[in-house]
C-alpha atoms as a PDB file:
ATOM      1  CA  UNK A   1       0.000   0.000   0.000  1.00  0.00           C
ATOM      2  CA  UNK A   2       2.763   2.424   0.951  1.00  0.00           C
ATOM      3  CA  UNK A   3       4.684   1.602  -2.224  1.00  0.00           C
ATOM      4  CA  UNK A   4       1.573   2.231  -4.329  1.00  0.00           C
ATOM      5  CA  UNK A   5       0.988   5.553  -2.569  1.00  0.00           C
ATOM      6  CA  UNK A   6       4.585   6.626  -3.182  1.00  0.00           C
ATOM      7  CA  UNK A   7       4.312   5.612  -6.817  1.00  0.00           C
ATOM      8  CA  UNK A   8       1.070   7.588  -7.173  1.00  0.00           C
ATOM      9  CA  UNK A   9       2.680  10.637  -5.563  1.00  0.00           C
ATOM     10  CA  UNK A  10       5.653  10.386  -7.892  1.00  0.00           C
ATOM     11  CA  UNK A  11       3.409  10.213 -10.948  1.00  0.00           C
ATOM     12  CA  UNK A  12       1.407  13.207  -9.727  1.00  0.00           C
ATOM     13  CA  UNK A  13       4.544  15.277  -9.165  1.00  0.00           C
ATOM     14  CA  UNK A  14       5.835  14.313 -12.588  1.00  0.00           C
ATOM     15  CA  UNK A  15       2.549  15.321 -14.172  1.00  0.00           C
ATOM     16  CA  UNK A  16       2.505  18.615 -12.314  1.00  0.00           C
ATOM     17  CA  UNK A  17       6.097  19.265 -13.262  1.00  0.00           C
ATOM     18  CA  UNK A  18       5.300  18.671 -16.925  1.00  0.00           C
ATOM     19  CA  UNK A  19       2.238  20.926 -16.774  1.00  0.00           C
ATOM     20  CA  UNK A  20       4.236  23.634 -15.053  1.00  0.00           C
ATOM     21  CA  UNK A  21       6.947  23.679 -17.734  1.00  0.00           C
ATOM     22  CA  UNK A  22       6.598  27.001 -19.532  1.00  0.00           C
ATOM     23  CA  UNK A  23       6.810  27.108 -23.309  1.00  0.00           C
ATOM     24  CA  UNK A  24       8.390  29.946 -25.272  1.00  0.00           C
ATOM     25  CA  UNK A  25       4.881  31.252 -25.954  1.00  0.00           C
ATOM     26  CA  UNK A  26       4.067  31.175 -22.227  1.00  0.00           C
ATOM     27  CA  UNK A  27       7.231  33.133 -21.436  1.00  0.00           C
ATOM     28  CA  UNK A  28       6.442  35.787 -24.030  1.00  0.00           C
ATOM     29  CA  UNK A  29       2.816  36.125 -22.968  1.00  0.00           C
ATOM     30  CA  UNK A  30       3.937  36.554 -19.357  1.00  0.00           C
ATOM     31  CA  UNK A  31       6.229  39.422 -20.426  1.00  0.00           C
ATOM     32  CA  UNK A  32       3.457  41.041 -22.472  1.00  0.00           C
ATOM     33  CA  UNK A  33       1.077  40.751 -19.526  1.00  0.00           C
ATOM     34  CA  UNK A  34       3.644  42.384 -17.251  1.00  0.00           C
ATOM     35  CA  UNK A  35       4.053  45.173 -19.827  1.00  0.00           C
ATOM     36  CA  UNK A  36       0.480  46.227 -19.086  1.00  0.00           C
ATOM     37  CA  UNK A  37       1.601  47.377 -15.624  1.00  0.00           C
ATOM     38  CA  UNK A  38       5.340  48.115 -16.036  1.00  0.00           C
ATOM     39  CA  UNK A  39       7.308  49.574 -18.943  1.00  0.00           C
ATOM     40  CA  UNK A  40      10.905  50.598 -19.573  1.00  0.00           C
ATOM     41  CA  UNK A  41      11.643  54.286 -20.036  1.00  0.00           C
ATOM     42  CA  UNK A  42      14.710  56.061 -21.384  1.00  0.00           C
ATOM     43  CA  UNK A  43      16.016  56.964 -24.830  1.00  0.00           C
ATOM     44  CA  UNK A  44      14.532  54.995 -27.714  1.00  0.00           C
ATOM     45  CA  UNK A  45      14.723  55.164 -31.496  1.00  0.00           C
ATOM     46  CA  UNK A  46      11.606  54.435 -33.563  1.00  0.00           C
ATOM     47  CA  UNK A  47      11.713  53.805 -37.326  1.00  0.00           C
ATOM     48  CA  UNK A  48       8.550  53.435 -39.424  1.00  0.00           C
ATOM     49  CA  UNK A  49       9.090  52.341 -43.037  1.00  0.00           C
ATOM     50  CA  UNK A  50       5.432  51.558 -43.864  1.00  0.00           C
ATOM     51  CA  UNK A  51       3.572  53.634 -44.693  1.00  0.00           C
ATOM     52  CA  UNK A  52       6.495  55.645 -46.136  1.00  0.00           C
ATOM     53  CA  UNK A  53       7.205  59.030 -44.589  1.00  0.00           C
ATOM     54  CA  UNK A  54       9.672  61.858 -45.189  1.00  0.00           C
ATOM     55  CA  UNK A  55      11.435  61.357 -41.835  1.00  0.00           C
ATOM     56  CA  UNK A  56      11.094  57.664 -40.925  1.00  0.00           C
ATOM     57  CA  UNK A  57      13.132  57.753 -37.705  1.00  0.00           C
ATOM     58  CA  UNK A  58      12.349  59.687 -34.539  1.00  0.00           C
ATOM     59  CA  UNK A  59      13.454  59.740 -30.924  1.00  0.00           C
ATOM     60  CA  UNK A  60      11.137  58.725 -28.073  1.00  0.00           C
ATOM     61  CA  UNK A  61      11.281  58.027 -24.352  1.00  0.00           C
ATOM     62  CA  UNK A  62       9.205  54.857 -24.639  1.00  0.00           C
ATOM     63  CA  UNK A  63       8.420  52.116 -27.134  1.00  0.00           C
ATOM     64  CA  UNK A  64       5.263  52.656 -29.219  1.00  0.00           C
ATOM     65  CA  UNK A  65       2.295  50.662 -27.994  1.00  0.00           C
ATOM     66  CA  UNK A  66       1.820  47.397 -29.886  1.00  0.00           C
ATOM     67  CA  UNK A  67      -1.810  46.289 -29.897  1.00  0.00           C
ATOM     68  CA  UNK A  68      -1.227  42.745 -28.619  1.00  0.00           C
ATOM     69  CA  UNK A  69      -4.220  40.458 -28.191  1.00  0.00           C
ATOM     70  CA  UNK A  70      -2.938  37.400 -26.284  1.00  0.00           C
ATOM     71  CA  UNK A  71      -5.668  34.918 -27.284  1.00  0.00           C
ATOM     72  CA  UNK A  72      -5.243  35.673 -30.978  1.00  0.00           C
ATOM     73  CA  UNK A  73      -1.439  35.645 -30.694  1.00  0.00           C
ATOM     74  CA  UNK A  74      -1.590  32.213 -29.073  1.00  0.00           C
ATOM     75  CA  UNK A  75      -3.817  30.943 -31.897  1.00  0.00           C
ATOM     76  CA  UNK A  76      -2.054  32.511 -34.864  1.00  0.00           C
ATOM     77  CA  UNK A  77       1.698  32.617 -34.119  1.00  0.00           C
ATOM     78  CA  UNK A  78       4.517  30.181 -33.567  1.00  0.00           C
ATOM     79  CA  UNK A  79       6.882  31.608 -30.946  1.00  0.00           C
ATOM     80  CA  UNK A  80      10.561  30.674 -30.634  1.00  0.00           C
ATOM     81  CA  UNK A  81      13.070  31.804 -28.026  1.00  0.00           C
ATOM     82  CA  UNK A  82      16.003  32.883 -30.210  1.00  0.00           C
ATOM     83  CA  UNK A  83      18.413  33.201 -27.290  1.00  0.00           C
ATOM     84  CA  UNK A  84      20.093  35.894 -25.218  1.00  0.00           C
ATOM     85  CA  UNK A  85      21.050  39.276 -26.673  1.00  0.00           C
ATOM     86  CA  UNK A  86      21.851  42.750 -25.399  1.00  0.00           C
ATOM     87  CA  UNK A  87      19.663  45.856 -25.756  1.00  0.00           C
ATOM     88  CA  UNK A  88      20.708  49.227 -24.358  1.00  0.00           C
ATOM     89  CA  UNK A  89      23.401  47.467 -22.336  1.00  0.00           C
ATOM     90  CA  UNK A  90      20.940  45.144 -20.626  1.00  0.00           C
ATOM     91  CA  UNK A  91      20.598  41.375 -20.866  1.00  0.00           C
ATOM     92  CA  UNK A  92      17.606  40.477 -22.981  1.00  0.00           C
ATOM     93  CA  UNK A  93      16.118  37.474 -24.746  1.00  0.00           C
ATOM     94  CA  UNK A  94      14.768  37.635 -28.286  1.00  0.00           C
ATOM     95  CA  UNK A  95      11.482  35.995 -29.247  1.00  0.00           C
ATOM     96  CA  UNK A  96      10.724  35.403 -32.951  1.00  0.00           C
ATOM     97  CA  UNK A  97       7.060  35.203 -33.952  1.00  0.00           C
ATOM     98  CA  UNK A  98       5.977  33.656 -37.245  1.00  0.00           C
ATOM     99  CA  UNK A  99       2.344  33.529 -38.460  1.00  0.00           C
ATOM    100  CA  UNK A 100       1.056  29.976 -38.709  1.00  0.00           C
ATOM    101  CA  UNK A 101      -0.969  30.784 -41.853  1.00  0.00           C
ATOM    102  CA  UNK A 102      -1.033  33.517 -44.503  1.00  0.00           C
ATOM    103  CA  UNK A 103       1.484  36.186 -45.376  1.00  0.00           C
ATOM    104  CA  UNK A 104       1.086  38.528 -42.419  1.00  0.00           C
ATOM    105  CA  UNK A 105       3.985  40.310 -40.760  1.00  0.00           C
ATOM    106  CA  UNK A 106       6.705  38.469 -38.835  1.00  0.00           C
ATOM    107  CA  UNK A 107       7.884  39.927 -35.524  1.00  0.00           C
ATOM    108  CA  UNK A 108      10.798  39.838 -33.131  1.00  0.00           C
ATOM    109  CA  UNK A 109      10.515  41.127 -29.568  1.00  0.00           C
ATOM    110  CA  UNK A 110      13.399  41.635 -27.147  1.00  0.00           C
ATOM    111  CA  UNK A 111      12.476  41.214 -23.469  1.00  0.00           C
ATOM    112  CA  UNK A 112      14.583  42.328 -20.499  1.00  0.00           C
ATOM    113  CA  UNK A 113      15.643  39.210 -18.570  1.00  0.00           C
ATOM    114  CA  UNK A 114      15.387  40.894 -15.169  1.00  0.00           C
ATOM    115  CA  UNK A 115      12.426  43.232 -15.571  1.00  0.00           C
ATOM    116  CA  UNK A 116      10.555  40.913 -17.967  1.00  0.00           C
ATOM    117  CA  UNK A 117       9.312  43.822 -20.104  1.00  0.00           C
ATOM    118  CA  UNK A 118       9.990  44.593 -23.794  1.00  0.00           C
ATOM    119  CA  UNK A 119      13.081  46.621 -24.726  1.00  0.00           C
ATOM    120  CA  UNK A 120      12.742  46.455 -28.530  1.00  0.00           C
ATOM    121  CA  UNK A 121      10.622  45.084 -31.339  1.00  0.00           C
ATOM    122  CA  UNK A 122      10.777  44.702 -35.111  1.00  0.00           C
ATOM    123  CA  UNK A 123       8.003  44.036 -37.618  1.00  0.00           C
ATOM    124  CA  UNK A 124       8.883  42.605 -41.050  1.00  0.00           C
ATOM    125  CA  UNK A 125       7.109  41.558 -44.198  1.00  0.00           C
ATOM    126  CA  UNK A 126       6.945  37.850 -44.967  1.00  0.00           C
ATOM    127  CA  UNK A 127       9.965  38.310 -47.285  1.00  0.00           C
ATOM    128  CA  UNK A 128      12.019  39.755 -44.420  1.00  0.00           C
ATOM    129  CA  UNK A 129      11.783  43.438 -45.420  1.00  0.00           C
ATOM    130  CA  UNK A 130      11.618  45.656 -42.337  1.00  0.00           C
ATOM    131  CA  UNK A 131       8.347  47.525 -41.796  1.00  0.00           C
ATOM    132  CA  UNK A 132       9.063  49.187 -38.466  1.00  0.00           C
ATOM    133  CA  UNK A 133      11.386  48.804 -35.536  1.00  0.00           C
ATOM    134  CA  UNK A 134      11.811  50.389 -32.140  1.00  0.00           C
ATOM    135  CA  UNK A 135      14.571  49.879 -29.588  1.00  0.00           C
ATOM    136  CA  UNK A 136      15.952  51.505 -26.483  1.00  0.00           C
ATOM    137  CA  UNK A 137      19.415  53.005 -26.763  1.00  0.00           C
ATOM    138  CA  UNK A 138      19.513  53.820 -23.042  1.00  0.00           C
ATOM    139  CA  UNK A 139      17.127  52.924 -20.227  1.00  0.00           C
ATOM    140  CA  UNK A 140      16.370  54.437 -16.857  1.00  0.00           C
ATOM    141  CA  UNK A 141      17.398  52.633 -13.692  1.00  0.00           C
ATOM    142  CA  UNK A 142      13.951  51.091 -13.154  1.00  0.00           C
ATOM    143  CA  UNK A 143      10.775  50.530 -15.191  1.00  0.00           C
ATOM    144  CA  UNK A 144       7.807  52.871 -14.753  1.00  0.00           C
ATOM    145  CA  UNK A 145       4.309  51.926 -13.659  1.00  0.00           C
ATOM    146  CA  UNK A 146       1.731  52.048 -16.440  1.00  0.00           C
ATOM    147  CA  UNK A 147      -1.903  51.054 -16.831  1.00  0.00           C
ATOM    148  CA  UNK A 148      -2.834  49.401 -20.114  1.00  0.00           C
ATOM    149  CA  UNK A 149      -5.667  47.039 -20.934  1.00  0.00           C
ATOM    150  CA  UNK A 150      -6.677  44.836 -23.843  1.00  0.00           C
ATOM    151  CA  UNK A 151      -9.914  46.334 -25.237  1.00  0.00           C
ATOM    152  CA  UNK A 152     -12.789  43.883 -25.380  1.00  0.00           C
ATOM    153  CA  UNK A 153     -14.098  42.867 -28.796  1.00  0.00           C
ATOM    154  CA  UNK A 154     -17.668  44.167 -29.198  1.00  0.00           C
ATOM    155  CA  UNK A 155     -20.106  41.269 -29.108  1.00  0.00           C
ATOM    156  CA  UNK A 156     -21.654  40.600 -32.501  1.00  0.00           C
ATOM    157  CA  UNK A 157     -19.101  42.617 -34.457  1.00  0.00           C
ATOM    158  CA  UNK A 158     -18.081  39.805 -36.791  1.00  0.00           C
ATOM    159  CA  UNK A 159     -21.696  39.120 -37.737  1.00  0.00           C
ATOM    160  CA  UNK A 160     -22.370  42.822 -38.285  1.00  0.00           C
ATOM    161  CA  UNK A 161     -19.318  43.051 -40.555  1.00  0.00           C
ATOM    162  CA  UNK A 162     -20.600  40.110 -42.589  1.00  0.00           C
ATOM    163  CA  UNK A 163     -23.913  41.901 -43.097  1.00  0.00           C
ATOM    164  CA  UNK A 164     -22.167  45.171 -43.968  1.00  0.00           C
ATOM    165  CA  UNK A 165     -19.876  43.525 -46.541  1.00  0.00           C
ATOM    166  CA  UNK A 166     -21.401  40.249 -47.760  1.00  0.00           C
ATOM    167  CA  UNK A 167     -18.802  38.266 -49.658  1.00  0.00           C
ATOM    168  CA  UNK A 168     -15.866  39.677 -47.668  1.00  0.00           C
ATOM    169  CA  UNK A 169     -13.158  37.051 -47.122  1.00  0.00           C
ATOM    170  CA  UNK A 170     -11.165  37.917 -44.012  1.00  0.00           C
ATOM    171  CA  UNK A 171      -7.422  37.282 -44.462  1.00  0.00           C
ATOM    172  CA  UNK A 172      -6.157  34.154 -42.713  1.00  0.00           C
ATOM    173  CA  UNK A 173      -5.898  34.631 -38.955  1.00  0.00           C
ATOM    174  CA  UNK A 174      -7.561  38.044 -38.854  1.00  0.00           C
ATOM    175  CA  UNK A 175     -10.762  38.940 -37.033  1.00  0.00           C
ATOM    176  CA  UNK A 176     -12.572  42.271 -36.470  1.00  0.00           C
ATOM    177  CA  UNK A 177     -11.813  43.754 -33.049  1.00  0.00           C
ATOM    178  CA  UNK A 178     -13.075  47.351 -33.210  1.00  0.00           C
ATOM    179  CA  UNK A 179     -14.847  50.039 -35.245  1.00  0.00           C
ATOM    180  CA  UNK A 180     -14.535  53.815 -35.326  1.00  0.00           C
ATOM    181  CA  UNK A 181     -16.236  56.545 -37.307  1.00  0.00           C
ATOM    182  CA  UNK A 182     -14.112  58.605 -39.706  1.00  0.00           C
ATOM    183  CA  UNK A 183     -14.404  62.364 -39.687  1.00  0.00           C
ATOM    184  CA  UNK A 184     -13.959  62.291 -43.489  1.00  0.00           C
ATOM    185  CA  UNK A 185     -16.987  59.999 -43.727  1.00  0.00           C
ATOM    186  CA  UNK A 186     -17.571  56.285 -43.420  1.00  0.00           C
ATOM    187  CA  UNK A 187     -16.175  53.860 -40.855  1.00  0.00           C
ATOM    188  CA  UNK A 188     -12.908  52.036 -40.183  1.00  0.00           C
ATOM    189  CA  UNK A 189     -12.904  48.456 -38.905  1.00  0.00           C
ATOM    190  CA  UNK A 190      -9.742  47.226 -37.188  1.00  0.00           C
ATOM    191  CA  UNK A 191      -8.743  43.647 -38.002  1.00  0.00           C
ATOM    192  CA  UNK A 192      -6.157  41.869 -35.833  1.00  0.00           C
ATOM    193  CA  UNK A 193      -4.355  38.526 -35.782  1.00  0.00           C
ATOM    194  CA  UNK A 194      -2.972  39.188 -32.309  1.00  0.00           C
ATOM    195  CA  UNK A 195      -0.079  41.427 -33.420  1.00  0.00           C
ATOM    196  CA  UNK A 196      -0.603  42.648 -36.975  1.00  0.00           C
ATOM    197  CA  UNK A 197      -3.371  45.149 -37.614  1.00  0.00           C
ATOM    198  CA  UNK A 198      -5.264  45.859 -40.845  1.00  0.00           C
ATOM    199  CA  UNK A 199      -7.584  48.795 -41.496  1.00  0.00           C
ATOM    200  CA  UNK A 200     -10.780  47.940 -43.372  1.00  0.00           C
ATOM    201  CA  UNK A 201     -12.448  51.174 -44.475  1.00  0.00           C
ATOM    202  CA  UNK A 202     -15.868  51.936 -45.941  1.00  0.00           C
ATOM    203  CA  UNK A 203     -15.663  55.462 -47.344  1.00  0.00           C
ATOM    204  CA  UNK A 204     -17.423  57.779 -49.806  1.00  0.00           C
ATOM    205  CA  UNK A 205     -14.122  58.364 -51.641  1.00  0.00           C
ATOM    206  CA  UNK A 206     -11.358  56.173 -53.042  1.00  0.00           C
ATOM    207  CA  UNK A 207      -7.786  55.950 -51.739  1.00  0.00           C
ATOM    208  CA  UNK A 208      -4.577  56.297 -53.726  1.00  0.00           C
ATOM    209  CA  UNK A 209      -3.105  52.954 -54.701  1.00  0.00           C
ATOM    210  CA  UNK A 210       0.174  51.916 -53.054  1.00  0.00           C
ATOM    211  CA  UNK A 211       1.914  48.798 -51.747  1.00  0.00           C
ATOM    212  CA  UNK A 212      -0.087  47.494 -48.816  1.00  0.00           C
ATOM    213  CA  UNK A 213      -3.299  49.158 -50.036  1.00  0.00           C
ATOM    214  CA  UNK A 214      -6.192  47.513 -51.895  1.00  0.00           C
ATOM    215  CA  UNK A 215      -9.475  49.193 -52.798  1.00  0.00           C
ATOM    216  CA  UNK A 216     -12.539  48.662 -54.938  1.00  0.00           C
ATOM    217  CA  UNK A 217     -15.805  50.394 -55.584  1.00  0.00           C
ATOM    218  CA  UNK A 218     -18.956  48.586 -54.481  1.00  0.00           C
ATOM    219  CA  UNK A 219     -22.043  50.510 -55.536  1.00  0.00           C
ATOM    220  CA  UNK A 220     -21.681  54.041 -54.227  1.00  0.00           C
ATOM    221  CA  UNK A 221     -19.132  53.082 -51.568  1.00  0.00           C
ATOM    222  CA  UNK A 222     -15.395  52.485 -51.746  1.00  0.00           C
ATOM    223  CA  UNK A 223     -13.898  49.688 -49.653  1.00  0.00           C
ATOM    224  CA  UNK A 224     -10.208  49.785 -48.712  1.00  0.00           C
ATOM    225  CA  UNK A 225      -8.025  47.241 -46.963  1.00  0.00           C
ATOM    226  CA  UNK A 226      -4.674  48.562 -45.736  1.00  0.00           C
ATOM    227  CA  UNK A 227      -1.825  46.889 -43.874  1.00  0.00           C
ATOM    228  CA  UNK A 228       1.280  44.717 -43.839  1.00  0.00           C
ATOM    229  CA  UNK A 229      -0.012  41.909 -46.030  1.00  0.00           C
ATOM    230  CA  UNK A 230       0.915  40.899 -49.605  1.00  0.00           C
ATOM    231  CA  UNK A 231      -1.108  42.884 -52.136  1.00  0.00           C
ATOM    232  CA  UNK A 232      -2.593  39.713 -53.626  1.00  0.00           C
ATOM    233  CA  UNK A 233      -4.029  38.731 -50.228  1.00  0.00           C
ATOM    234  CA  UNK A 234      -5.459  42.221 -49.689  1.00  0.00           C
ATOM    235  CA  UNK A 235      -7.166  42.167 -53.099  1.00  0.00           C
ATOM    236  CA  UNK A 236      -8.450  38.619 -52.615  1.00  0.00           C
ATOM    237  CA  UNK A 237     -10.136  39.616 -49.356  1.00  0.00           C
ATOM    238  CA  UNK A 238     -12.211  42.264 -51.179  1.00  0.00           C
ATOM    239  CA  UNK A 239     -12.763  40.427 -54.460  1.00  0.00           C
ATOM    240  CA  UNK A 240     -16.045  38.756 -53.495  1.00  0.00           C
ATOM    241  CA  UNK A 241     -17.752  41.706 -51.783  1.00  0.00           C
ATOM    242  CA  UNK A 242     -21.237  42.011 -53.297  1.00  0.00           C
ATOM    243  CA  UNK A 243     -22.658  44.968 -51.360  1.00  0.00           C
ATOM    244  CA  UNK A 244     -21.271  47.593 -48.987  1.00  0.00           C
ATOM    245  CA  UNK A 245     -23.159  49.465 -46.291  1.00  0.00           C
ATOM    246  CA  UNK A 246     -21.937  50.840 -42.969  1.00  0.00           C
ATOM    247  CA  UNK A 247     -25.436  50.837 -41.470  1.00  0.00           C
ATOM    248  CA  UNK A 248     -24.991  47.621 -39.465  1.00  0.00           C
ATOM    249  CA  UNK A 249     -21.688  48.911 -38.046  1.00  0.00           C
ATOM    250  CA  UNK A 250     -22.981  52.227 -36.732  1.00  0.00           C
ATOM    251  CA  UNK A 251     -23.749  50.950 -33.242  1.00  0.00           C
ATOM    252  CA  UNK A 252     -20.156  49.685 -32.864  1.00  0.00           C
ATOM    253  CA  UNK A 253     -18.413  52.868 -34.030  1.00  0.00           C
ATOM    254  CA  UNK A 254     -16.467  54.878 -31.470  1.00  0.00           C
ATOM    255  CA  UNK A 255     -15.060  58.420 -31.795  1.00  0.00           C
ATOM    256  CA  UNK A 256     -13.852  59.483 -35.205  1.00  0.00           C
ATOM    257  CA  UNK A 257     -10.301  60.025 -36.374  1.00  0.00           C
ATOM    258  CA  UNK A 258      -8.701  62.573 -38.662  1.00  0.00           C
ATOM    259  CA  UNK A 259      -6.660  60.267 -40.925  1.00  0.00           C
ATOM    260  CA  UNK A 260      -7.431  57.383 -43.299  1.00  0.00           C
END
């Protein structure tokens, strides 16, 4: 009896030990959760290469906010610990994130090994071309307290989007997470795969064509899809849209913005 009890205890401890073993994804999600209450501060450099701008690099005292949605990240990305590195003179570990499906952006995030908060990130196209990067050059002696939350997805939004744009084919991994009214007219729907964000716009006017931008006219409305995704995937998402009306999205729309 005693031997059986000891054997059972050993099996239980082994099972608990296996369950408690953190994966690379678990480690990254823990750092991203901590980043909602603590964040590094200091001297950072931020470079945005898409959309193009006259002065792509600027100085900042903090990293730009990345709209991380943990449940979608867990579903849509493979996460690999790429090993120790140094950022701003501090020990860090780099995590590489690759989409499991589709041609969405690939990411790397550098996390401080002591503070367990991000010190740098880089977003790239599927072909490896950099889209944006941000990294601390120097950091203060201790992280600062912050208060950030993951906005809830409005209930019924996906169904409302389907009624607004019948025939829309959402790019692989992406789901609607928010809507806002545009001061120039129409609405903008935010699509997310957990890290990458696309802007789906219903507007009374067209948008200038460019890499990362697809648009088509549907009746009296123009529909745009903008973001870090291959142009063929952006166009394919809009190709089957049969009708376009923002009426079903009105109840979800928050405050307007001033830019497309």
